[in-house]
Amino acid sequence: LSSPIVLLSQIFPREGSKLHYRLIGFSFPSTRTDGNIIEIADGDHNDDESFKKNLVVSKETKENKVISEVPLFGRQYTWRVVPAGTNAAKCELHHFSTLTNSDVDTGNVRFRITKAAEKYKNAYVFLDNSKVLYNMNGEPLWFLPRRPELRYEEKSVRDLQLTRQGTITFVSGGGNAYEINYNGDVLWKAPNKGTVSGDTTESYNHEFTRLANGHYM
């Protein structure tokens, strides 16, 4: 038997989450094999009628997880999972929000696609200058969160990339190299510059790679 605490830990986004991305991996406890439907509504709702009026995403899945986009940054969202054969009105509503900043403000940073890469239409690309992940339509999906432990705000970011291990690495102009997860948590940080050789002029180059054996170059 699963305790309520264990079941709650399987739900993501967690209640009240503030996400710096709109490409989201939803997960939930479910033993149903005949399918589930993820429903997402724009806004903060607590009743079925209001929820249904503002529905923006409805996505079927055979598993207890699914990846889906929400339309905008800087919005409140309500979501629920409806197992096959279940009365949707009785399904629990969950709430989260997406953050925003100037990096994903299309009035501040905007891209024009001059030649569509049809072969790679389902790919994504990181750009260092804006510190953002984009889809192939030039739409922002994820931004590097502004947190004190990342120390990048006053300086530029270089070599922002996804690793084969599913983590994200980058070099900060503020003087360090980081490996983070999709949620922005620091997994590994290089030694502070100047502490490796003792030379005060020591610094990190712009290229940072996590190797297959778990070492860093």
N, C-alpha and C. Protein backbone atom coordinates (compact mmCIF):
# COMPACT_ATOMS: atom_id res chain seq x y z
N LEU A 1 0.84 -1.20 0.00
CA LEU A 1 0.00 0.00 0.00
C LEU A 1 0.87 1.25 0.00
N SER A 2 0.48 2.24 -0.78
CA SER A 2 1.22 3.50 -0.85
C SER A 2 0.64 4.50 0.13
N SER A 3 1.48 5.12 0.90
CA SER A 3 1.01 6.14 1.84
C SER A 3 0.68 7.41 1.08
N PRO A 4 -0.16 8.30 1.64
CA PRO A 4 -0.48 9.57 0.97
C PRO A 4 0.77 10.39 0.68
N ILE A 5 1.79 10.34 1.57
CA ILE A 5 3.01 11.12 1.35
C ILE A 5 3.76 10.62 0.13
N VAL A 6 3.84 9.28 -0.03
CA VAL A 6 4.51 8.70 -1.19
C VAL A 6 3.79 9.08 -2.47
N LEU A 7 2.46 9.00 -2.47
CA LEU A 7 1.67 9.35 -3.65
C LEU A 7 1.84 10.82 -3.99
N LEU A 8 1.87 11.68 -2.97
CA LEU A 8 2.03 13.11 -3.20
C LEU A 8 3.38 13.41 -3.84
N SER A 9 4.42 12.66 -3.45
CA SER A 9 5.76 12.89 -3.99
C SER A 9 5.87 12.51 -5.45
N GLN A 10 4.90 11.72 -5.96
CA GLN A 10 4.92 11.30 -7.35
C GLN A 10 4.24 12.31 -8.27
N ILE A 11 3.65 13.35 -7.70
CA ILE A 11 2.93 14.35 -8.49
C ILE A 11 3.87 15.50 -8.84
N PHE A 12 3.98 15.80 -10.13
CA PHE A 12 4.77 16.95 -10.57
C PHE A 12 4.10 17.56 -11.79
N PRO A 13 4.01 18.89 -11.86
CA PRO A 13 4.53 19.88 -10.93
C PRO A 13 3.84 19.81 -9.57
N ARG A 14 4.63 20.02 -8.51
CA ARG A 14 4.09 20.01 -7.17
C ARG A 14 3.21 21.23 -6.94
N GLU A 15 2.30 21.11 -6.00
CA GLU A 15 1.37 22.19 -5.70
C GLU A 15 2.13 23.47 -5.39
N GLY A 16 1.78 24.53 -6.13
CA GLY A 16 2.40 25.83 -5.91
C GLY A 16 3.76 26.02 -6.54
N SER A 17 4.19 25.07 -7.38
CA SER A 17 5.50 25.18 -8.03
C SER A 17 5.59 26.45 -8.87
N LYS A 18 6.80 27.04 -8.91
CA LYS A 18 7.07 28.19 -9.76
C LYS A 18 8.18 27.76 -10.72
N LEU A 19 7.81 27.56 -11.98
CA LEU A 19 8.71 26.95 -12.96
C LEU A 19 9.31 28.00 -13.89
N HIS A 20 10.60 27.82 -14.23
CA HIS A 20 11.24 28.74 -15.19
C HIS A 20 11.23 28.12 -16.59
N TYR A 21 10.24 27.33 -16.87
CA TYR A 21 10.08 26.71 -18.19
C TYR A 21 8.60 26.42 -18.44
N ARG A 22 8.27 26.31 -19.72
CA ARG A 22 6.90 25.97 -20.09
C ARG A 22 6.81 24.66 -20.87
N LEU A 23 7.95 24.00 -21.07
CA LEU A 23 7.99 22.63 -21.57
C LEU A 23 8.15 21.75 -20.33
N ILE A 24 7.08 21.08 -19.93
CA ILE A 24 6.98 20.51 -18.60
C ILE A 24 6.77 18.99 -18.65
N GLY A 25 7.46 18.29 -17.78
CA GLY A 25 7.23 16.86 -17.61
C GLY A 25 6.25 16.64 -16.47
N PHE A 26 5.03 16.25 -16.79
CA PHE A 26 4.00 15.98 -15.78
C PHE A 26 4.10 14.51 -15.36
N SER A 27 3.97 14.25 -14.06
CA SER A 27 3.96 12.87 -13.57
C SER A 27 2.93 12.76 -12.46
N PHE A 28 2.43 11.55 -12.26
CA PHE A 28 1.35 11.33 -11.31
C PHE A 28 1.27 9.84 -10.98
N PRO A 29 0.77 9.47 -9.80
CA PRO A 29 0.61 8.06 -9.48
C PRO A 29 -0.60 7.49 -10.22
N SER A 30 -0.42 6.36 -10.89
CA SER A 30 -1.52 5.75 -11.62
C SER A 30 -1.20 4.29 -11.90
N THR A 31 -2.18 3.44 -11.73
CA THR A 31 -2.02 2.02 -12.08
C THR A 31 -2.87 1.67 -13.29
N ARG A 32 -3.52 2.64 -13.88
CA ARG A 32 -4.39 2.39 -15.03
C ARG A 32 -3.56 2.13 -16.27
N THR A 33 -3.91 1.12 -17.02
CA THR A 33 -3.20 0.81 -18.26
C THR A 33 -4.04 1.16 -19.49
N ASP A 34 -5.30 1.57 -19.27
CA ASP A 34 -6.16 1.91 -20.39
C ASP A 34 -6.15 3.40 -20.71
N GLY A 35 -5.25 4.13 -20.08
CA GLY A 35 -5.04 5.51 -20.48
C GLY A 35 -5.44 6.55 -19.46
N ASN A 36 -4.81 7.72 -19.58
CA ASN A 36 -5.10 8.89 -18.75
C ASN A 36 -5.13 10.10 -19.66
N ILE A 37 -5.79 11.14 -19.22
CA ILE A 37 -5.82 12.41 -19.94
C ILE A 37 -5.30 13.50 -18.99
N ILE A 38 -4.29 14.23 -19.46
CA ILE A 38 -3.80 15.39 -18.73
C ILE A 38 -4.55 16.61 -19.25
N GLU A 39 -5.20 17.33 -18.36
CA GLU A 39 -5.90 18.56 -18.73
C GLU A 39 -5.26 19.73 -18.00
N ILE A 40 -5.03 20.82 -18.75
CA ILE A 40 -4.39 22.01 -18.17
C ILE A 40 -5.24 23.22 -18.52
N ALA A 41 -5.53 24.04 -17.53
CA ALA A 41 -6.31 25.25 -17.74
C ALA A 41 -5.47 26.48 -17.42
N ASP A 42 -5.70 27.55 -18.17
CA ASP A 42 -5.04 28.82 -17.91
C ASP A 42 -5.72 29.48 -16.71
N GLY A 43 -4.94 29.83 -15.69
CA GLY A 43 -5.50 30.49 -14.53
C GLY A 43 -5.51 29.61 -13.29
N ASP A 44 -5.88 30.20 -12.18
CA ASP A 44 -5.93 29.51 -10.88
C ASP A 44 -7.38 29.18 -10.59
N HIS A 45 -7.74 27.90 -10.69
CA HIS A 45 -9.14 27.47 -10.56
C HIS A 45 -9.28 26.41 -9.48
N ASN A 46 -10.47 26.40 -8.86
CA ASN A 46 -10.74 25.43 -7.80
C ASN A 46 -12.08 24.73 -7.97
N ASP A 47 -12.73 24.95 -9.10
CA ASP A 47 -13.99 24.25 -9.36
C ASP A 47 -14.01 23.78 -10.82
N ASP A 48 -14.76 22.73 -11.07
CA ASP A 48 -14.77 22.07 -12.37
C ASP A 48 -15.27 22.99 -13.49
N GLU A 49 -16.31 23.76 -13.22
CA GLU A 49 -16.89 24.61 -14.27
C GLU A 49 -15.90 25.67 -14.74
N SER A 50 -15.28 26.35 -13.80
CA SER A 50 -14.29 27.38 -14.17
C SER A 50 -13.09 26.75 -14.87
N PHE A 51 -12.67 25.58 -14.40
CA PHE A 51 -11.54 24.87 -15.00
C PHE A 51 -11.82 24.57 -16.47
N LYS A 52 -13.00 23.99 -16.75
CA LYS A 52 -13.33 23.58 -18.12
C LYS A 52 -13.44 24.78 -19.07
N LYS A 53 -13.87 25.92 -18.58
CA LYS A 53 -14.01 27.11 -19.43
C LYS A 53 -12.66 27.65 -19.88
N ASN A 54 -11.61 27.33 -19.14
CA ASN A 54 -10.30 27.89 -19.44
C ASN A 54 -9.29 26.83 -19.86
N LEU A 55 -9.79 25.68 -20.31
CA LEU A 55 -8.93 24.57 -20.71
C LEU A 55 -8.10 24.96 -21.93
N VAL A 56 -6.76 24.72 -21.85
CA VAL A 56 -5.88 25.06 -22.97
C VAL A 56 -5.12 23.84 -23.50
N VAL A 57 -5.02 22.78 -22.70
CA VAL A 57 -4.31 21.57 -23.13
C VAL A 57 -5.08 20.35 -22.67
N SER A 58 -5.23 19.39 -23.56
CA SER A 58 -5.80 18.09 -23.23
C SER A 58 -4.99 17.04 -23.97
N LYS A 59 -4.32 16.16 -23.23
CA LYS A 59 -3.36 15.25 -23.85
C LYS A 59 -3.50 13.86 -23.26
N GLU A 60 -3.62 12.86 -24.13
CA GLU A 60 -3.76 11.48 -23.69
C GLU A 60 -2.40 10.83 -23.50
N THR A 61 -2.32 9.89 -22.55
CA THR A 61 -1.10 9.13 -22.33
C THR A 61 -1.45 7.76 -21.77
N LYS A 62 -0.68 6.77 -22.14
CA LYS A 62 -0.86 5.41 -21.60
C LYS A 62 -0.01 5.21 -20.34
N GLU A 63 0.85 6.18 -20.04
CA GLU A 63 1.75 6.06 -18.91
C GLU A 63 1.31 6.99 -17.79
N ASN A 64 2.11 7.00 -16.71
CA ASN A 64 1.81 7.92 -15.61
C ASN A 64 2.68 9.18 -15.70
N LYS A 65 3.04 9.54 -16.94
CA LYS A 65 3.81 10.75 -17.17
C LYS A 65 3.62 11.19 -18.61
N VAL A 66 3.82 12.48 -18.84
CA VAL A 66 3.69 13.02 -20.19
C VAL A 66 4.40 14.37 -20.23
N ILE A 67 4.97 14.71 -21.39
CA ILE A 67 5.61 16.02 -21.58
C ILE A 67 4.67 16.89 -22.39
N SER A 68 4.43 18.09 -21.91
CA SER A 68 3.51 18.99 -22.60
C SER A 68 3.96 20.43 -22.40
N GLU A 69 3.62 21.27 -23.35
CA GLU A 69 3.88 22.71 -23.24
C GLU A 69 2.65 23.41 -22.68
N VAL A 70 2.90 24.48 -21.93
CA VAL A 70 1.84 25.43 -21.60
C VAL A 70 2.10 26.68 -22.44
N PRO A 71 1.07 27.47 -22.71
CA PRO A 71 1.22 28.53 -23.72
C PRO A 71 2.19 29.65 -23.39
N LEU A 72 2.24 30.12 -22.12
CA LEU A 72 2.94 31.36 -21.85
C LEU A 72 3.75 31.31 -20.57
N PHE A 73 4.80 32.15 -20.52
CA PHE A 73 5.50 32.42 -19.27
C PHE A 73 4.70 33.45 -18.47
N GLY A 74 4.97 33.49 -17.16
CA GLY A 74 4.34 34.50 -16.32
C GLY A 74 2.85 34.30 -16.13
N ARG A 75 2.42 33.03 -16.05
CA ARG A 75 0.99 32.72 -15.92
C ARG A 75 0.76 31.70 -14.81
N GLN A 76 -0.46 31.72 -14.28
CA GLN A 76 -0.91 30.69 -13.35
C GLN A 76 -1.60 29.59 -14.16
N TYR A 77 -1.41 28.34 -13.74
CA TYR A 77 -2.06 27.22 -14.41
C TYR A 77 -2.64 26.24 -13.40
N THR A 78 -3.70 25.57 -13.81
CA THR A 78 -4.32 24.52 -13.01
C THR A 78 -4.37 23.26 -13.86
N TRP A 79 -4.08 22.11 -13.27
CA TRP A 79 -4.07 20.88 -14.06
C TRP A 79 -4.64 19.72 -13.25
N ARG A 80 -5.03 18.68 -13.98
CA ARG A 80 -5.52 17.46 -13.35
C ARG A 80 -5.27 16.29 -14.29
N VAL A 81 -5.26 15.10 -13.73
CA VAL A 81 -5.16 13.89 -14.53
C VAL A 81 -6.48 13.16 -14.40
N VAL A 82 -7.04 12.77 -15.54
CA VAL A 82 -8.32 12.07 -15.57
C VAL A 82 -8.09 10.65 -16.07
N PRO A 83 -8.06 9.65 -15.18
CA PRO A 83 -7.91 8.26 -15.62
C PRO A 83 -9.11 7.83 -16.44
N ALA A 84 -8.88 6.94 -17.40
CA ALA A 84 -9.97 6.45 -18.27
C ALA A 84 -11.12 5.92 -17.41
N GLY A 85 -12.33 6.31 -17.80
CA GLY A 85 -13.51 5.82 -17.10
C GLY A 85 -13.82 6.53 -15.80
N THR A 86 -13.12 7.66 -15.55
CA THR A 86 -13.30 8.39 -14.29
C THR A 86 -14.12 9.65 -14.53
N ASN A 87 -14.92 10.04 -13.56
CA ASN A 87 -15.66 11.29 -13.63
C ASN A 87 -14.68 12.44 -13.43
N ALA A 88 -14.46 13.23 -14.48
CA ALA A 88 -13.45 14.28 -14.45
C ALA A 88 -13.71 15.29 -13.34
N ALA A 89 -14.97 15.57 -13.05
CA ALA A 89 -15.31 16.58 -12.05
C ALA A 89 -14.83 16.20 -10.66
N LYS A 90 -14.59 14.91 -10.46
CA LYS A 90 -14.16 14.44 -9.14
C LYS A 90 -12.63 14.32 -9.02
N CYS A 91 -11.92 14.64 -10.09
CA CYS A 91 -10.46 14.54 -10.08
C CYS A 91 -9.84 15.78 -9.42
N GLU A 92 -8.80 15.56 -8.63
CA GLU A 92 -8.18 16.64 -7.87
C GLU A 92 -7.50 17.65 -8.79
N LEU A 93 -7.66 18.92 -8.46
CA LEU A 93 -7.02 20.00 -9.21
C LEU A 93 -5.70 20.39 -8.55
N HIS A 94 -4.67 20.57 -9.37
CA HIS A 94 -3.35 20.97 -8.90
C HIS A 94 -2.99 22.32 -9.53
N HIS A 95 -2.08 23.06 -8.87
CA HIS A 95 -1.79 24.42 -9.31
C HIS A 95 -0.29 24.67 -9.39
N PHE A 96 0.14 25.41 -10.41
CA PHE A 96 1.53 25.84 -10.54
C PHE A 96 1.55 27.13 -11.35
N SER A 97 2.70 27.75 -11.43
CA SER A 97 2.84 28.96 -12.24
C SER A 97 4.16 28.91 -13.00
N THR A 98 4.21 29.67 -14.09
CA THR A 98 5.46 29.82 -14.83
C THR A 98 6.01 31.22 -14.55
N LEU A 99 7.31 31.28 -14.29
CA LEU A 99 7.98 32.55 -14.06
C LEU A 99 8.28 33.23 -15.40
N THR A 100 8.77 34.43 -15.33
CA THR A 100 9.19 35.12 -16.56
C THR A 100 10.32 36.08 -16.22
N ASN A 101 11.07 36.46 -17.22
CA ASN A 101 12.07 37.52 -17.08
C ASN A 101 12.34 38.12 -18.46
N SER A 102 13.24 39.06 -18.53
CA SER A 102 13.49 39.76 -19.79
C SER A 102 14.08 38.84 -20.87
N ASP A 103 14.72 37.74 -20.46
CA ASP A 103 15.33 36.83 -21.44
C ASP A 103 14.29 36.14 -22.33
N VAL A 104 13.08 35.93 -21.81
CA VAL A 104 12.03 35.26 -22.60
C VAL A 104 10.93 36.24 -23.02
N ASP A 105 11.17 37.51 -22.82
CA ASP A 105 10.25 38.54 -23.29
C ASP A 105 10.52 38.77 -24.77
N THR A 106 9.59 38.35 -25.62
CA THR A 106 9.82 38.47 -27.07
C THR A 106 9.83 39.93 -27.53
N GLY A 107 9.41 40.85 -26.67
CA GLY A 107 9.56 42.26 -26.99
C GLY A 107 10.99 42.73 -26.77
N ASN A 108 11.75 41.93 -26.03
CA ASN A 108 13.13 42.28 -25.72
C ASN A 108 14.12 41.46 -26.55
N VAL A 109 13.84 40.17 -26.70
CA VAL A 109 14.67 39.26 -27.50
C VAL A 109 13.75 38.51 -28.46
N ARG A 110 13.96 38.70 -29.74
CA ARG A 110 13.08 38.08 -30.73
C ARG A 110 13.92 37.50 -31.87
N PHE A 111 13.45 36.37 -32.41
CA PHE A 111 14.16 35.72 -33.51
C PHE A 111 13.26 35.63 -34.73
N ARG A 112 13.87 35.76 -35.86
CA ARG A 112 13.16 35.59 -37.13
C ARG A 112 13.76 34.38 -37.84
N ILE A 113 12.93 33.41 -38.19
CA ILE A 113 13.40 32.22 -38.89
C ILE A 113 13.50 32.53 -40.37
N THR A 114 14.71 32.55 -40.91
CA THR A 114 14.91 32.87 -42.32
C THR A 114 14.83 31.63 -43.21
N LYS A 115 15.16 30.47 -42.63
CA LYS A 115 15.05 29.22 -43.37
C LYS A 115 14.72 28.10 -42.39
N ALA A 116 13.52 27.56 -42.51
CA ALA A 116 13.07 26.55 -41.57
C ALA A 116 13.84 25.25 -41.76
N ALA A 117 14.32 24.67 -40.66
CA ALA A 117 15.06 23.40 -40.71
C ALA A 117 14.07 22.26 -40.54
N GLU A 118 13.39 21.90 -41.62
CA GLU A 118 12.33 20.90 -41.56
C GLU A 118 12.83 19.55 -41.04
N LYS A 119 14.07 19.19 -41.37
CA LYS A 119 14.61 17.91 -40.95
C LYS A 119 14.73 17.85 -39.43
N TYR A 120 14.90 19.01 -38.79
CA TYR A 120 15.09 19.07 -37.35
C TYR A 120 13.96 19.82 -36.65
N LYS A 121 12.76 19.73 -37.20
CA LYS A 121 11.65 20.54 -36.69
C LYS A 121 11.28 20.20 -35.25
N ASN A 122 11.66 19.02 -34.77
CA ASN A 122 11.35 18.64 -33.38
C ASN A 122 12.54 18.83 -32.45
N ALA A 123 13.58 19.51 -32.93
CA ALA A 123 14.78 19.73 -32.12
C ALA A 123 14.63 21.00 -31.28
N TYR A 124 15.60 21.20 -30.39
CA TYR A 124 15.66 22.39 -29.55
C TYR A 124 17.08 22.93 -29.59
N VAL A 125 17.22 24.21 -29.27
CA VAL A 125 18.56 24.81 -29.32
C VAL A 125 18.73 25.79 -28.16
N PHE A 126 19.90 25.73 -27.50
CA PHE A 126 20.27 26.70 -26.48
C PHE A 126 21.03 27.85 -27.13
N LEU A 127 20.80 29.08 -26.68
CA LEU A 127 21.60 30.23 -27.11
C LEU A 127 22.22 30.88 -25.88
N ASP A 128 23.53 31.09 -25.95
CA ASP A 128 24.26 31.61 -24.80
C ASP A 128 23.82 33.02 -24.40
N ASN A 129 23.70 33.89 -25.38
CA ASN A 129 23.49 35.30 -25.06
C ASN A 129 22.19 35.53 -24.29
N SER A 130 21.13 34.85 -24.69
CA SER A 130 19.85 35.02 -24.00
C SER A 130 19.67 34.02 -22.86
N LYS A 131 20.51 32.96 -22.83
CA LYS A 131 20.46 31.94 -21.77
C LYS A 131 19.12 31.22 -21.78
N VAL A 132 18.66 30.88 -22.99
CA VAL A 132 17.31 30.35 -23.18
C VAL A 132 17.34 29.13 -24.11
N LEU A 133 16.42 28.20 -23.88
CA LEU A 133 16.18 27.07 -24.77
C LEU A 133 15.01 27.41 -25.69
N TYR A 134 15.20 27.21 -27.00
CA TYR A 134 14.17 27.54 -27.98
C TYR A 134 13.76 26.30 -28.77
N ASN A 135 12.52 26.30 -29.28
CA ASN A 135 12.13 25.30 -30.26
C ASN A 135 12.51 25.82 -31.64
N MET A 136 12.24 25.05 -32.67
CA MET A 136 12.69 25.43 -34.00
C MET A 136 11.82 26.49 -34.66
N ASN A 137 10.82 26.98 -33.93
CA ASN A 137 10.06 28.14 -34.38
C ASN A 137 10.57 29.42 -33.73
N GLY A 138 11.66 29.28 -32.95
CA GLY A 138 12.24 30.45 -32.28
C GLY A 138 11.49 30.87 -31.03
N GLU A 139 10.65 29.97 -30.49
CA GLU A 139 9.86 30.30 -29.30
C GLU A 139 10.59 29.84 -28.03
N PRO A 140 10.69 30.69 -27.02
CA PRO A 140 11.39 30.33 -25.79
C PRO A 140 10.60 29.31 -24.97
N LEU A 141 11.33 28.32 -24.43
CA LEU A 141 10.69 27.26 -23.64
C LEU A 141 11.26 27.16 -22.23
N TRP A 142 12.50 27.58 -22.02
CA TRP A 142 13.20 27.43 -20.74
C TRP A 142 14.21 28.56 -20.63
N PHE A 143 14.38 29.09 -19.44
CA PHE A 143 15.44 30.08 -19.26
C PHE A 143 16.26 29.75 -18.02
N LEU A 144 17.51 30.14 -18.05
CA LEU A 144 18.41 29.90 -16.93
C LEU A 144 17.95 30.77 -15.75
N PRO A 145 17.58 30.15 -14.63
CA PRO A 145 17.04 30.95 -13.52
C PRO A 145 18.10 31.85 -12.91
N ARG A 146 17.68 32.98 -12.42
CA ARG A 146 18.58 33.94 -11.79
C ARG A 146 18.65 33.65 -10.30
N ARG A 147 19.67 32.89 -9.93
CA ARG A 147 19.84 32.50 -8.53
C ARG A 147 21.24 32.90 -8.06
N PRO A 148 21.37 33.32 -6.81
CA PRO A 148 22.68 33.77 -6.30
C PRO A 148 23.77 32.73 -6.45
N GLU A 149 23.43 31.43 -6.29
CA GLU A 149 24.46 30.39 -6.34
C GLU A 149 25.02 30.19 -7.75
N LEU A 150 24.35 30.69 -8.78
CA LEU A 150 24.85 30.54 -10.15
C LEU A 150 25.76 31.69 -10.56
N ARG A 151 25.67 32.80 -9.91
CA ARG A 151 26.60 33.94 -10.10
C ARG A 151 26.86 34.28 -11.57
N TYR A 152 25.83 34.47 -12.34
CA TYR A 152 26.05 34.80 -13.74
C TYR A 152 25.43 36.13 -14.15
N GLU A 153 24.59 36.70 -13.33
CA GLU A 153 23.81 37.86 -13.77
C GLU A 153 24.66 39.03 -14.24
N GLU A 154 25.80 39.24 -13.56
CA GLU A 154 26.61 40.40 -13.92
C GLU A 154 27.52 40.11 -15.10
N LYS A 155 27.60 38.87 -15.52
CA LYS A 155 28.50 38.48 -16.61
C LYS A 155 27.76 37.63 -17.63
N SER A 156 28.42 37.36 -18.74
CA SER A 156 27.81 36.55 -19.79
C SER A 156 27.92 35.07 -19.47
N VAL A 157 27.15 34.27 -20.20
CA VAL A 157 27.17 32.81 -20.09
C VAL A 157 27.71 32.25 -21.40
N ARG A 158 28.52 31.22 -21.30
CA ARG A 158 29.09 30.59 -22.49
C ARG A 158 28.85 29.09 -22.46
N ASP A 159 28.76 28.50 -23.65
CA ASP A 159 28.69 27.06 -23.84
C ASP A 159 27.54 26.42 -23.08
N LEU A 160 26.38 27.04 -23.11
CA LEU A 160 25.18 26.48 -22.50
C LEU A 160 24.70 25.31 -23.35
N GLN A 161 24.69 24.10 -22.77
CA GLN A 161 24.36 22.92 -23.59
C GLN A 161 23.79 21.79 -22.74
N LEU A 162 23.11 20.89 -23.43
CA LEU A 162 22.56 19.69 -22.81
C LEU A 162 23.58 18.57 -22.94
N THR A 163 23.78 17.80 -21.86
CA THR A 163 24.71 16.68 -21.89
C THR A 163 23.98 15.39 -22.24
N ARG A 164 24.73 14.36 -22.56
CA ARG A 164 24.14 13.05 -22.85
C ARG A 164 23.49 12.44 -21.60
N GLN A 165 23.85 12.94 -20.45
CA GLN A 165 23.27 12.45 -19.20
C GLN A 165 21.97 13.19 -18.84
N GLY A 166 21.56 14.11 -19.72
CA GLY A 166 20.32 14.85 -19.49
C GLY A 166 20.47 16.03 -18.55
N THR A 167 21.72 16.42 -18.26
CA THR A 167 21.95 17.60 -17.43
C THR A 167 22.32 18.77 -18.34
N ILE A 168 22.53 19.94 -17.74
CA ILE A 168 22.86 21.16 -18.49
C ILE A 168 24.15 21.73 -17.93
N THR A 169 25.08 22.06 -18.80
CA THR A 169 26.35 22.64 -18.36
C THR A 169 26.55 24.01 -19.01
N PHE A 170 27.31 24.86 -18.33
CA PHE A 170 27.66 26.17 -18.89
C PHE A 170 28.82 26.76 -18.11
N VAL A 171 29.48 27.72 -18.73
CA VAL A 171 30.54 28.49 -18.08
C VAL A 171 30.00 29.89 -17.82
N SER A 172 30.21 30.37 -16.61
CA SER A 172 29.76 31.70 -16.25
C SER A 172 30.90 32.70 -16.40
N GLY A 173 30.59 33.84 -16.99
CA GLY A 173 31.59 34.90 -17.08
C GLY A 173 31.99 35.41 -15.71
N GLY A 174 31.18 35.10 -14.69
CA GLY A 174 31.50 35.48 -13.33
C GLY A 174 32.63 34.65 -12.74
N GLY A 175 33.10 33.63 -13.48
CA GLY A 175 34.28 32.91 -13.05
C GLY A 175 34.09 31.49 -12.62
N ASN A 176 33.10 30.77 -13.18
CA ASN A 176 32.96 29.38 -12.78
C ASN A 176 32.27 28.57 -13.87
N ALA A 177 32.29 27.24 -13.67
CA ALA A 177 31.62 26.31 -14.58
C ALA A 177 30.65 25.48 -13.76
N TYR A 178 29.46 25.25 -14.32
CA TYR A 178 28.39 24.60 -13.57
C TYR A 178 27.76 23.45 -14.35
N GLU A 179 27.27 22.47 -13.61
CA GLU A 179 26.36 21.46 -14.14
C GLU A 179 25.08 21.56 -13.31
N ILE A 180 23.95 21.74 -13.98
CA ILE A 180 22.67 21.86 -13.29
C ILE A 180 21.67 20.87 -13.89
N ASN A 181 20.56 20.66 -13.21
CA ASN A 181 19.49 19.87 -13.81
C ASN A 181 18.48 20.81 -14.46
N TYR A 182 17.44 20.24 -15.03
CA TYR A 182 16.44 21.03 -15.76
C TYR A 182 15.75 22.04 -14.85
N ASN A 183 15.65 21.69 -13.56
CA ASN A 183 15.01 22.59 -12.60
C ASN A 183 15.95 23.69 -12.11
N GLY A 184 17.21 23.67 -12.55
CA GLY A 184 18.15 24.72 -12.18
C GLY A 184 18.93 24.45 -10.91
N ASP A 185 18.80 23.24 -10.34
CA ASP A 185 19.57 22.89 -9.14
C ASP A 185 21.02 22.60 -9.52
N VAL A 186 21.96 23.10 -8.75
CA VAL A 186 23.38 22.88 -9.02
C VAL A 186 23.76 21.45 -8.65
N LEU A 187 24.27 20.69 -9.63
CA LEU A 187 24.71 19.32 -9.42
C LEU A 187 26.22 19.26 -9.18
N TRP A 188 26.96 20.15 -9.83
CA TRP A 188 28.42 20.19 -9.70
C TRP A 188 28.91 21.57 -10.08
N LYS A 189 29.91 22.04 -9.37
CA LYS A 189 30.51 23.34 -9.66
C LYS A 189 32.02 23.19 -9.68
N ALA A 190 32.67 23.75 -10.68
CA ALA A 190 34.12 23.70 -10.75
C ALA A 190 34.74 24.50 -9.61
N PRO A 191 35.96 24.16 -9.23
CA PRO A 191 36.64 24.96 -8.19
C PRO A 191 36.71 26.43 -8.61
N ASN A 192 36.61 27.32 -7.66
CA ASN A 192 36.68 28.75 -7.96
C ASN A 192 37.99 29.07 -8.69
N LYS A 193 37.92 29.99 -9.65
CA LYS A 193 39.11 30.33 -10.41
C LYS A 193 40.18 30.88 -9.47
N GLY A 194 41.41 30.52 -9.77
CA GLY A 194 42.52 30.94 -8.93
C GLY A 194 42.88 29.94 -7.85
N THR A 195 41.99 28.94 -7.63
CA THR A 195 42.26 27.97 -6.56
C THR A 195 42.92 26.70 -7.09
N VAL A 196 42.96 26.51 -8.40
CA VAL A 196 43.53 25.30 -8.97
C VAL A 196 45.05 25.38 -9.00
N SER A 197 45.59 26.45 -9.59
CA SER A 197 47.04 26.61 -9.68
C SER A 197 47.59 27.62 -8.69
N GLY A 198 46.68 28.42 -8.13
CA GLY A 198 47.14 29.48 -7.23
C GLY A 198 47.43 30.78 -7.93
N ASP A 199 47.39 30.78 -9.25
CA ASP A 199 47.65 31.98 -10.05
C ASP A 199 46.38 32.84 -10.06
N THR A 200 46.48 34.08 -9.64
CA THR A 200 45.31 34.95 -9.56
C THR A 200 44.74 35.32 -10.93
N THR A 201 45.55 35.12 -11.99
CA THR A 201 45.05 35.43 -13.34
C THR A 201 44.38 34.22 -13.99
N GLU A 202 44.37 33.09 -13.30
CA GLU A 202 43.76 31.88 -13.82
C GLU A 202 42.26 32.08 -14.07
N SER A 203 41.76 31.53 -15.16
CA SER A 203 40.32 31.61 -15.45
C SER A 203 39.92 30.41 -16.29
N TYR A 204 38.62 30.22 -16.44
CA TYR A 204 38.11 29.11 -17.25
C TYR A 204 37.86 29.56 -18.68
N ASN A 205 38.14 28.65 -19.62
CA ASN A 205 37.91 28.94 -21.02
C ASN A 205 36.41 28.84 -21.31
N HIS A 206 36.02 29.12 -22.55
CA HIS A 206 34.61 29.18 -22.88
C HIS A 206 34.00 27.82 -23.21
N GLU A 207 34.78 26.75 -23.24
CA GLU A 207 34.24 25.44 -23.60
C GLU A 207 34.30 24.51 -22.40
N PHE A 208 33.17 23.87 -22.10
CA PHE A 208 33.04 23.01 -20.92
C PHE A 208 32.28 21.75 -21.32
N THR A 209 32.87 20.58 -21.05
CA THR A 209 32.27 19.31 -21.50
C THR A 209 32.22 18.30 -20.35
N ARG A 210 31.08 17.67 -20.19
CA ARG A 210 30.98 16.54 -19.27
C ARG A 210 31.24 15.26 -20.07
N LEU A 211 32.25 14.52 -19.70
CA LEU A 211 32.64 13.34 -20.44
C LEU A 211 31.78 12.13 -20.07
N ALA A 212 31.84 11.09 -20.93
CA ALA A 212 31.01 9.91 -20.73
C ALA A 212 31.35 9.18 -19.43
N ASN A 213 32.60 9.31 -18.96
CA ASN A 213 33.00 8.63 -17.73
C ASN A 213 32.68 9.44 -16.47
N GLY A 214 31.98 10.55 -16.64
CA GLY A 214 31.60 11.36 -15.49
C GLY A 214 32.61 12.42 -15.13
N HIS A 215 33.76 12.47 -15.83
CA HIS A 215 34.75 13.52 -15.59
C HIS A 215 34.37 14.77 -16.39
N TYR A 216 35.05 15.86 -16.10
CA TYR A 216 34.77 17.13 -16.76
C TYR A 216 36.02 17.67 -17.44
N MET A 217 35.82 18.29 -18.58
CA MET A 217 36.94 18.87 -19.32
C MET A 217 36.60 20.31 -19.68
